[in-house]
Amino acid sequence: MIYGGDGLARLPADERGRGKAVFLPFVLERERVEASLVEEKPGFARGRAEKIVEASPYRAQAPCPYFTRCGGCQYQHTTYEHQLEIKAAILRENLRRITKVDLPYDLQVHSGEPWGYRNRTRMRVQIEREFALGYYRFGSHELLPVEECPISSPAINRAIAAVWELGRKREMHSGVREIEFFANADDSELLIELYVDQGDRAGREKQIGRFARSGKDTSAFVRAAEQLRAAVPGVTGAVVFPAQTFPGGRKFEASPLATAGTSHLQYKTRQASYRVSAGGFFQVNRFLTDELVATVTEGKSGGTALDLYAGVGLFAAVLSREFERVIAVESSPQSCGDLAYNAPENVKAVRATVEEYVRKSPIRADLVIADPPRGGLGEKVSRSIAESGAPALTYVSCDPATLARDLVVLLAAGYRVEQAHLVDLFPQTFHLETVLHLTR
C-alpha cells in the first residue's frame, strides 16, 4: 500500500527489464485480484480491480453507499485497526526511502472515533438543470450527488439534508458553487460559508473591490445567507464569499460579500477556547483536537516559543502557559485576526508568511513548532530553522513525503528525532498527521 490510497503491483518483467509499476485503488496488500489497465504511461500504469480472487482477512464491507464512486475516502474496504497499520507502514517507508535512514524511535499511534469525526465539510453545488450537492467522483472533476456523509458530524449531515430540501424546491441562489459547513466542538452549532460565482476573472476582481468599498449591491447574497441560516438546523451564521479560484487555479484572499448572523464560531476544547471565523482554518477532527494539542505541547517549557503557521492559535494558546513569550506567525487575514483575539498577553501575533518572517527576523527560540500546509516547509524555511540553533523543533506534518524531504535538511544540520507520533485525524482516508519531536 502506498501514500495516496492505492496498492502497488507490477506488470511482468520483459526484455526491457523489471515490469512497470501499476497503481490499483481499493485493494489491500497480498490480495490476488483480476484487474484491467485503464491508463498506461511510459513509467507506470493505472488499473482497476475487476474481481477479488483472494481477499485479505482485513477486507470489510464499506458502510457508505458512495464508497469507490466518491473521491473522498480510500480505506472503507478494510477494518479501522488495519487502516492504522497501513498508515504506520507508509509513514515508516517514506521516511526510510527519502531520508535513507531507519530512524531509531518507536512510533506512537493516536486514534479516535472512525466515523462522524469531521467538524468541517465542503461540498460542490450544481444549480443548473437538476439540483445536486456532493463531492467529485473518484478520479474526476465530475460532481457525484451525495445526500449523506458518514465521516461528517451528525449536525453537518442534518445540514446536508436541509440544503437538499432547499435545492429540490429550487430555492437556492443561482450563483452558489460551493458550501462549507463548520460545526463547533460539541456539534451543537454550525457556521456556513457560501462560495458564489461572479463571472469572469476581471469581473470578479472589479466586483470584489466595489463590494469592499461600498458595501452595496449585496442584497441577493444577504438573502441567500439568511435563507440558509433559517433553513438549516443549528446555524448561528452564514457568510458569503466570492468563489476562490480564477482560471489557471490561482487563489486569492477576499472579504465576505454578505453575512447573516455571526461570522464566527467559538470552538471550546478541554485545553482552550478559540474564536474561529469564516474563512479561517481549524483542525477537522472533532474527537482528536485535544490529543493533537497535548502531543505537540506537553512537557514543553522555557523562555521563547516560535509557532510557525499558527492558524487561530491552536498551539500558541496552550504554549503561553509554559513559556514566557510566544511568537505566532500566520499569513491568512481571517486566521490571524482570530489568532490576535485568542492570544493571551504573552503571545505576539505576527501576520506574515513564514518565508517572509524567517527572511526578515532571525529565529531565536527555545522551541520552534512548525505546522505547514501539505507542501511542507521547503528548503529555505528548513535551512533557516536548521541554521537558527534552536535546541528543539516540533514538526507537525500532513504529508509524509514533504516531511521526509524536509527532514533530510534538518537531520544533516544535527537534529535527531526524539519522538514520533502518528495522529489519525482522517480515518477512512489515506491522509495522516505526523508529529515529530526533534532535538539537537
Protein backbone atom coordinates (compact mmCIF):
# COMPACT_ATOMS: atom_id res chain seq x y z
CA MET A 1 0.00 0.00 0.00
CA ILE A 2 1.32 3.44 -0.89
CA TYR A 3 0.56 7.02 0.11
CA GLY A 4 -2.48 8.20 -1.81
CA GLY A 5 -4.61 5.13 -1.13
CA ASP A 6 -3.52 2.83 -3.95
CA GLY A 7 -1.98 -0.61 -3.85
CA LEU A 8 1.25 -1.08 -5.80
CA ALA A 9 1.68 -4.06 -8.13
CA ARG A 10 3.94 -4.70 -11.14
CA LEU A 11 3.46 -5.92 -14.67
CA PRO A 12 5.56 -8.97 -15.60
CA ALA A 13 9.20 -8.36 -16.42
CA ASP A 14 10.13 -8.41 -20.11
CA GLU A 15 13.19 -7.87 -22.32
CA ARG A 16 13.23 -4.21 -21.26
CA GLY A 17 13.68 -5.10 -17.61
CA ARG A 18 11.57 -5.06 -14.47
CA GLY A 19 7.87 -4.66 -15.15
CA LYS A 20 6.42 -1.17 -14.73
CA ALA A 21 4.51 -0.21 -11.60
CA VAL A 22 0.72 -0.48 -11.62
CA PHE A 23 -1.37 1.54 -9.18
CA LEU A 24 -4.66 -0.05 -8.10
CA PRO A 25 -7.27 1.65 -5.87
CA PHE A 26 -9.49 -0.16 -3.35
CA VAL A 27 -7.26 -3.23 -2.90
CA LEU A 28 -5.24 -4.46 0.09
CA GLU A 29 -1.73 -5.83 0.43
CA ARG A 30 -1.22 -9.50 -0.55
CA GLU A 31 -4.64 -9.76 -2.17
CA ARG A 32 -4.87 -11.51 -5.56
CA VAL A 33 -7.09 -9.63 -7.98
CA GLU A 34 -8.07 -9.69 -11.61
CA ALA A 35 -7.51 -6.19 -12.94
CA SER A 36 -7.72 -4.23 -16.17
CA LEU A 37 -5.43 -1.40 -17.19
CA VAL A 38 -7.20 1.93 -17.55
CA GLU A 39 -4.16 4.14 -18.26
CA GLU A 40 -0.58 3.47 -19.37
CA LYS A 41 2.32 5.91 -19.15
CA PRO A 42 5.98 5.33 -20.05
CA GLY A 43 6.95 4.70 -16.42
CA PHE A 44 3.77 3.38 -14.79
CA ALA A 45 0.19 2.28 -15.34
CA ARG A 46 -3.12 2.64 -13.54
CA GLY A 47 -5.51 -0.23 -13.13
CA ARG A 48 -8.94 -1.17 -11.84
CA ALA A 49 -9.63 -4.31 -9.83
CA GLU A 50 -12.42 -6.19 -11.59
CA LYS A 51 -12.54 -9.18 -9.25
CA ILE A 52 -11.04 -10.04 -5.86
CA VAL A 53 -9.70 -13.57 -6.33
CA GLU A 54 -8.20 -13.96 -2.84
CA ALA A 55 -9.38 -11.36 -0.33
CA SER A 56 -7.40 -10.01 2.59
CA PRO A 57 -8.63 -11.19 6.01
CA TYR A 58 -8.89 -7.46 6.82
CA ARG A 59 -11.30 -6.71 3.96
CA ALA A 60 -14.61 -5.24 5.21
CA GLN A 61 -17.93 -4.13 3.80
CA ALA A 62 -17.96 -0.35 3.35
CA PRO A 63 -20.88 1.28 5.19
CA CYS A 64 -21.09 4.29 2.85
CA PRO A 65 -23.23 3.81 -0.28
CA TYR A 66 -20.97 6.17 -2.24
CA PHE A 67 -17.67 4.44 -1.48
CA THR A 68 -15.50 3.78 -4.60
CA ARG A 69 -17.62 6.25 -6.58
CA CYS A 70 -16.79 9.22 -4.32
CA GLY A 71 -13.26 10.60 -4.25
CA GLY A 72 -13.34 11.41 -0.53
CA CYS A 73 -12.45 8.08 1.12
CA GLN A 74 -9.95 5.38 0.16
CA TYR A 75 -9.94 2.85 3.04
CA GLN A 76 -13.54 1.98 3.91
CA HIS A 77 -12.96 -1.52 2.49
CA THR A 78 -10.81 -2.52 5.48
CA THR A 79 -11.08 -2.50 9.27
CA TYR A 80 -10.09 0.63 11.15
CA GLU A 81 -7.33 -1.22 13.04
CA HIS A 82 -5.84 -2.26 9.71
CA GLN A 83 -6.07 1.30 8.37
CA LEU A 84 -3.79 2.38 11.22
CA GLU A 85 -1.32 -0.38 10.35
CA ILE A 86 -1.32 0.71 6.70
CA LYS A 87 -0.66 4.33 7.62
CA ALA A 88 2.13 3.46 10.07
CA ALA A 89 3.83 1.29 7.43
CA ILE A 90 3.52 4.05 4.80
CA LEU A 91 4.96 6.65 7.16
CA ARG A 92 7.92 4.43 8.06
CA GLU A 93 8.58 3.56 4.41
CA ASN A 94 8.53 7.20 3.28
CA LEU A 95 10.95 8.25 6.00
CA ARG A 96 13.24 5.31 5.27
CA ARG A 97 13.24 5.75 1.49
CA ILE A 98 13.70 9.53 1.35
CA THR A 99 15.90 10.18 4.39
CA LYS A 100 17.89 6.97 3.75
CA VAL A 101 17.84 6.35 7.49
CA ASP A 102 15.96 3.89 9.69
CA LEU A 103 15.18 6.36 12.42
CA PRO A 104 15.63 4.85 15.91
CA TYR A 105 12.26 5.52 17.52
CA ASP A 106 9.01 3.83 18.43
CA LEU A 107 6.08 5.23 16.50
CA GLN A 108 3.20 6.15 18.83
CA VAL A 109 -0.23 5.90 17.17
CA HIS A 110 -3.16 8.06 18.37
CA SER A 111 -6.64 7.19 17.13
CA GLY A 112 -10.23 8.14 17.85
CA GLU A 113 -13.75 7.54 16.58
CA PRO A 114 -13.51 6.47 12.91
CA TRP A 115 -16.95 7.83 11.88
CA GLY A 116 -18.74 11.16 12.27
CA TYR A 117 -15.46 12.85 13.14
CA ARG A 118 -15.32 15.74 10.66
CA ASN A 119 -16.29 19.14 12.02
CA ARG A 120 -15.77 20.78 8.60
CA THR A 121 -17.13 19.58 5.26
CA ARG A 122 -17.01 21.38 1.92
CA MET A 123 -19.29 20.33 -0.93
CA ARG A 124 -19.86 21.32 -4.53
CA VAL A 125 -23.24 22.67 -5.65
CA GLN A 126 -24.96 22.26 -9.01
CA ILE A 127 -27.86 24.65 -9.60
CA GLU A 128 -28.33 24.42 -13.37
CA ARG A 129 -30.52 21.63 -14.69
CA GLU A 130 -31.19 19.32 -11.75
CA PHE A 131 -30.01 20.44 -8.30
CA ALA A 132 -27.18 18.44 -6.76
CA LEU A 133 -24.94 18.74 -3.70
CA GLY A 134 -21.93 16.47 -3.46
CA TYR A 135 -18.26 15.67 -3.97
CA TYR A 136 -16.17 14.95 -7.03
CA ARG A 137 -16.40 11.43 -8.40
CA PHE A 138 -13.33 9.28 -7.84
CA GLY A 139 -10.58 10.26 -10.26
CA SER A 140 -12.54 13.05 -11.93
CA HIS A 141 -13.94 16.57 -11.62
CA GLU A 142 -17.47 15.37 -12.28
CA LEU A 143 -19.97 16.01 -9.50
CA LEU A 144 -21.32 13.00 -7.60
CA PRO A 145 -24.60 13.83 -5.81
CA VAL A 146 -24.26 12.91 -2.11
CA GLU A 147 -27.06 13.04 0.45
CA GLU A 148 -25.15 11.75 3.48
CA CYS A 149 -21.52 11.60 4.56
CA PRO A 150 -20.70 9.08 7.32
CA ILE A 151 -17.37 10.71 8.21
CA SER A 152 -19.04 14.11 8.82
CA SER A 153 -20.64 15.03 12.13
CA PRO A 154 -24.38 14.49 12.78
CA ALA A 155 -25.03 18.24 12.69
CA ILE A 156 -23.34 18.51 9.29
CA ASN A 157 -25.41 15.61 7.96
CA ARG A 158 -28.59 17.33 9.13
CA ALA A 159 -27.40 20.44 7.30
CA ILE A 160 -26.74 18.44 4.12
CA ALA A 161 -30.31 17.11 4.25
CA ALA A 162 -31.72 20.61 4.73
CA VAL A 163 -29.76 22.00 1.77
CA TRP A 164 -31.01 19.17 -0.43
CA GLU A 165 -34.56 20.08 0.54
CA LEU A 166 -33.97 23.72 -0.43
CA GLY A 167 -32.38 22.67 -3.70
CA ARG A 168 -35.23 20.39 -4.68
CA LYS A 169 -37.62 23.31 -4.14
CA ARG A 170 -35.41 25.38 -6.49
CA GLU A 171 -34.83 27.90 -3.71
CA MET A 172 -31.03 28.06 -3.77
CA HIS A 173 -29.31 31.21 -5.04
CA SER A 174 -28.24 30.54 -8.63
CA GLY A 175 -24.66 31.72 -8.08
CA VAL A 176 -23.76 29.29 -5.28
CA ARG A 177 -20.92 26.97 -6.33
CA GLU A 178 -19.74 25.54 -3.00
CA ILE A 179 -20.98 25.25 0.58
CA GLU A 180 -18.79 24.62 3.60
CA PHE A 181 -20.25 23.53 6.93
CA PHE A 182 -18.27 24.05 10.14
CA ALA A 183 -19.50 22.62 13.46
CA ASN A 184 -18.38 23.60 16.95
CA ALA A 185 -16.78 21.18 19.39
CA ASP A 186 -19.98 19.67 20.82
CA ASP A 187 -21.73 19.66 17.41
CA SER A 188 -24.47 21.99 18.64
CA GLU A 189 -23.82 24.99 16.36
CA LEU A 190 -22.92 25.44 12.71
CA LEU A 191 -21.29 28.16 10.66
CA ILE A 192 -21.93 28.05 6.91
CA GLU A 193 -19.72 29.51 4.18
CA LEU A 194 -21.24 30.04 0.73
CA TYR A 195 -18.92 30.47 -2.26
CA VAL A 196 -20.60 32.24 -5.16
CA ASP A 197 -19.67 32.66 -8.82
CA GLN A 198 -19.46 36.22 -10.13
CA GLY A 199 -18.47 35.72 -13.73
CA ASP A 200 -15.03 36.01 -15.28
CA ARG A 201 -11.81 36.98 -13.53
CA ALA A 202 -11.85 40.68 -14.39
CA GLY A 203 -15.50 40.95 -13.41
CA ARG A 204 -14.91 39.21 -10.11
CA GLU A 205 -11.94 41.38 -9.16
CA LYS A 206 -13.90 44.53 -10.06
CA GLN A 207 -16.96 43.40 -8.10
CA ILE A 208 -14.94 42.35 -5.07
CA GLY A 209 -13.33 45.78 -4.94
CA ARG A 210 -16.70 47.51 -5.30
CA PHE A 211 -18.31 45.41 -2.58
CA ALA A 212 -15.39 46.02 -0.24
CA ARG A 213 -15.53 49.78 -0.78
CA SER A 214 -19.24 50.45 -0.75
CA GLY A 215 -20.95 47.53 0.95
CA LYS A 216 -23.72 47.90 -1.67
CA ASP A 217 -25.26 45.52 -4.21
CA THR A 218 -25.18 42.65 -1.75
CA SER A 219 -28.92 42.21 -1.22
CA ALA A 220 -29.12 38.94 -3.16
CA PHE A 221 -26.22 37.50 -1.20
CA VAL A 222 -27.72 38.66 2.09
CA ARG A 223 -30.96 36.90 1.18
CA ALA A 224 -29.05 33.73 0.28
CA ALA A 225 -27.21 33.81 3.62
CA GLU A 226 -30.37 34.48 5.59
CA GLN A 227 -32.20 31.71 3.75
CA LEU A 228 -29.54 29.13 4.67
CA ARG A 229 -29.41 30.34 8.23
CA ALA A 230 -33.18 29.95 8.58
CA ALA A 231 -33.43 26.59 6.82
CA VAL A 232 -30.53 24.64 8.35
CA PRO A 233 -30.78 23.42 11.98
CA GLY A 234 -28.28 24.89 14.43
CA VAL A 235 -26.83 27.55 12.13
CA THR A 236 -25.69 30.64 14.01
CA GLY A 237 -24.27 32.38 10.96
CA ALA A 238 -23.93 32.17 7.18
CA VAL A 239 -21.19 34.06 5.34
CA VAL A 240 -20.90 34.60 1.59
CA PHE A 241 -17.51 34.69 -0.17
CA PRO A 242 -16.63 35.02 -3.85
CA ALA A 243 -15.63 31.73 -5.46
CA GLN A 244 -11.94 31.48 -4.68
CA THR A 245 -10.29 30.14 -7.80
CA PHE A 246 -9.69 32.08 -11.01
CA PRO A 247 -8.95 30.36 -14.34
CA GLY A 248 -5.50 28.85 -14.06
CA GLY A 249 -6.03 27.80 -10.46
CA ARG A 250 -4.81 30.95 -8.69
CA LYS A 251 -6.48 31.60 -5.34
CA PHE A 252 -6.90 34.88 -3.55
CA GLU A 253 -7.97 36.22 -0.17
CA ALA A 254 -11.25 38.11 -0.19
CA SER A 255 -13.51 39.78 2.31
CA PRO A 256 -17.03 38.39 2.80
CA LEU A 257 -19.69 39.70 0.45
CA ALA A 258 -22.51 39.27 2.97
CA THR A 259 -23.21 37.86 6.43
CA ALA A 260 -26.36 36.71 8.19
CA GLY A 261 -25.98 36.17 11.93
CA THR A 262 -22.49 35.65 13.35
CA SER A 263 -19.35 35.35 11.23
CA HIS A 264 -17.51 33.05 13.64
CA LEU A 265 -17.87 30.08 15.98
CA GLN A 266 -16.48 29.69 19.47
CA TYR A 267 -14.73 26.33 19.50
CA LYS A 268 -14.26 25.08 23.08
CA THR A 269 -11.95 22.17 23.78
CA ARG A 270 -10.68 20.82 27.09
CA GLN A 271 -7.44 22.73 26.53
CA ALA A 272 -8.74 26.16 25.47
CA SER A 273 -11.47 28.13 23.73
CA TYR A 274 -10.90 29.55 20.24
CA ARG A 275 -12.75 32.02 18.08
CA VAL A 276 -12.74 30.66 14.53
CA SER A 277 -14.03 33.00 11.82
CA ALA A 278 -15.50 32.09 8.46
CA GLY A 279 -12.65 31.57 6.03
CA GLY A 280 -10.21 30.64 8.80
CA PHE A 281 -8.52 27.28 9.38
CA PHE A 282 -9.10 24.84 12.20
CA GLN A 283 -8.32 21.13 12.59
CA VAL A 284 -11.12 18.95 11.21
CA ASN A 285 -11.23 16.01 13.66
CA ARG A 286 -13.57 16.92 16.50
CA PHE A 287 -12.52 13.92 18.61
CA LEU A 288 -8.73 14.33 18.45
CA THR A 289 -8.13 18.09 18.74
CA ASP A 290 -7.08 17.89 22.39
CA GLU A 291 -4.99 14.78 21.71
CA LEU A 292 -3.11 16.59 18.95
CA VAL A 293 -2.52 19.69 21.09
CA ALA A 294 -1.28 17.57 24.00
CA THR A 295 1.01 15.56 21.71
CA VAL A 296 2.57 18.78 20.40
CA THR A 297 2.81 20.81 23.61
CA GLU A 298 3.08 18.52 26.66
CA GLY A 299 6.35 18.74 28.53
CA LYS A 300 7.49 21.86 26.66
CA SER A 301 8.54 24.97 28.60
CA GLY A 302 11.09 27.75 28.50
CA GLY A 303 11.68 31.35 27.57
CA THR A 304 10.54 31.80 23.95
CA ALA A 305 8.49 29.56 21.69
CA LEU A 306 8.05 30.26 17.97
CA ASP A 307 4.80 28.93 16.46
CA LEU A 308 5.02 28.90 12.65
CA TYR A 309 1.82 28.52 10.56
CA ALA A 310 -0.04 29.28 13.79
CA GLY A 311 -3.61 29.38 12.45
CA VAL A 312 -6.03 30.69 15.10
CA GLY A 313 -3.57 29.85 17.89
CA LEU A 314 -4.34 26.17 18.47
CA PHE A 315 -0.88 25.54 19.94
CA ALA A 316 0.09 29.09 20.91
CA ALA A 317 -2.76 29.46 23.42
CA VAL A 318 -1.55 26.38 25.32
CA LEU A 319 2.18 27.10 24.95
CA SER A 320 1.63 30.53 26.52
CA ARG A 321 1.08 28.84 29.90
CA GLU A 322 4.57 27.29 29.96
CA PHE A 323 6.65 29.85 28.03
CA GLU A 324 7.45 33.41 28.99
CA ARG A 325 6.85 34.55 25.41
CA VAL A 326 5.29 33.04 22.28
CA ILE A 327 5.66 34.45 18.77
CA ALA A 328 2.92 33.13 16.48
CA VAL A 329 3.22 33.63 12.70
CA GLU A 330 0.21 33.32 10.37
CA SER A 331 -0.44 34.71 6.88
CA SER A 332 -4.23 34.33 6.46
CA PRO A 333 -6.07 37.55 7.41
CA GLN A 334 -9.04 35.62 8.83
CA SER A 335 -6.92 33.25 10.89
CA CYS A 336 -4.51 35.95 12.03
CA GLY A 337 -7.41 38.10 13.24
CA ASP A 338 -8.64 35.16 15.32
CA LEU A 339 -5.08 34.47 16.49
CA ALA A 340 -4.79 38.01 17.87
CA TYR A 341 -8.21 37.67 19.53
CA ASN A 342 -7.42 34.27 21.08
CA ALA A 343 -3.88 35.13 22.18
CA PRO A 344 -3.04 35.77 25.83
CA GLU A 345 -0.90 38.81 26.63
CA ASN A 346 2.40 36.97 26.29
CA VAL A 347 1.63 35.83 22.72
CA LYS A 348 2.70 38.12 19.87
CA ALA A 349 0.64 37.54 16.71
CA VAL A 350 2.57 38.29 13.51
CA ARG A 351 0.75 38.46 10.17
CA ALA A 352 3.25 37.30 7.55
CA THR A 353 4.10 34.26 5.51
CA VAL A 354 6.65 32.08 7.24
CA GLU A 355 9.03 32.64 4.33
CA GLU A 356 8.78 36.42 4.86
CA TYR A 357 9.21 36.10 8.61
CA VAL A 358 12.34 33.93 8.54
CA ARG A 359 13.88 36.16 5.87
CA LYS A 360 13.43 39.33 7.96
CA SER A 361 13.64 38.03 11.54
CA PRO A 362 16.39 35.72 12.80
CA ILE A 363 14.95 32.77 14.69
CA ARG A 364 15.80 32.95 18.38
CA ALA A 365 13.69 30.47 20.32
CA ASP A 366 13.97 27.62 22.79
CA LEU A 367 11.29 25.74 20.84
CA VAL A 368 10.09 26.01 17.24
CA ILE A 369 6.74 24.49 16.32
CA ALA A 370 6.01 24.20 12.60
CA ASP A 371 2.64 23.04 11.24
CA PRO A 372 2.93 23.78 7.50
CA PRO A 373 0.39 23.02 4.78
CA ARG A 374 0.74 19.97 2.55
CA GLY A 375 3.72 21.41 0.68
CA GLY A 376 5.85 21.28 3.83
CA LEU A 377 8.47 23.76 4.99
CA GLY A 378 10.50 23.84 1.80
CA GLU A 379 14.26 24.21 1.61
CA LYS A 380 14.51 27.90 2.62
CA VAL A 381 12.47 27.58 5.80
CA SER A 382 14.08 24.23 6.68
CA ARG A 383 17.53 25.79 6.34
CA SER A 384 16.54 28.85 8.36
CA ILE A 385 15.39 26.60 11.21
CA ALA A 386 18.49 24.42 10.87
CA GLU A 387 20.79 27.45 11.00
CA SER A 388 18.96 29.09 13.91
CA GLY A 389 20.45 26.90 16.61
CA ALA A 390 17.03 26.30 18.17
CA PRO A 391 17.54 23.33 20.51
CA ALA A 392 14.09 21.83 19.95
CA LEU A 393 11.75 21.58 16.95
CA THR A 394 8.31 20.00 16.78
CA TYR A 395 7.25 19.34 13.19
CA VAL A 396 3.53 18.70 12.57
CA SER A 397 3.02 17.32 9.07
CA CYS A 398 0.06 16.25 6.94
CA ASP A 399 2.20 14.79 4.13
CA PRO A 400 4.88 12.14 4.81
CA ALA A 401 6.70 12.78 1.52
CA THR A 402 7.30 16.50 2.15
CA LEU A 403 8.05 15.74 5.79
CA ALA A 404 10.76 13.30 4.77
CA ARG A 405 12.18 15.79 2.23
CA ASP A 406 12.46 18.50 4.91
CA LEU A 407 13.95 16.01 7.37
CA VAL A 408 16.90 15.47 5.06
CA VAL A 409 17.93 19.11 5.66
CA LEU A 410 17.17 19.06 9.38
CA LEU A 411 18.97 15.77 10.11
CA ALA A 412 22.01 16.94 8.14
CA ALA A 413 22.13 20.02 10.39
CA GLY A 414 22.36 17.89 13.52
CA TYR A 415 18.74 17.42 14.58
CA ARG A 416 17.67 13.95 15.65
CA VAL A 417 14.22 12.50 16.12
CA GLU A 418 13.43 12.04 19.79
CA GLN A 419 9.74 11.06 19.48
CA ALA A 420 7.44 10.21 16.57
CA HIS A 421 3.65 10.19 16.65
CA LEU A 422 1.02 9.29 14.07
CA VAL A 423 -2.23 11.12 14.90
CA ASP A 424 -5.05 9.72 12.77
CA LEU A 425 -7.07 12.85 12.10
CA PHE A 426 -8.53 11.47 8.86
CA PRO A 427 -9.97 7.92 9.29
CA GLN A 428 -11.22 6.15 6.14
CA THR A 429 -8.84 8.25 4.00
CA PHE A 430 -5.17 7.98 3.08
CA HIS A 431 -4.33 11.25 4.85
CA LEU A 432 -2.27 11.07 8.04
CA GLU A 433 -0.90 13.56 10.54
CA THR A 434 2.60 13.13 11.91
CA VAL A 435 4.17 14.86 14.92
CA LEU A 436 7.96 14.61 15.24
CA HIS A 437 9.83 16.00 18.24
CA LEU A 438 13.43 16.81 17.21
CA THR A 439 16.32 17.93 19.37
CA ARG A 440 19.98 18.78 18.76
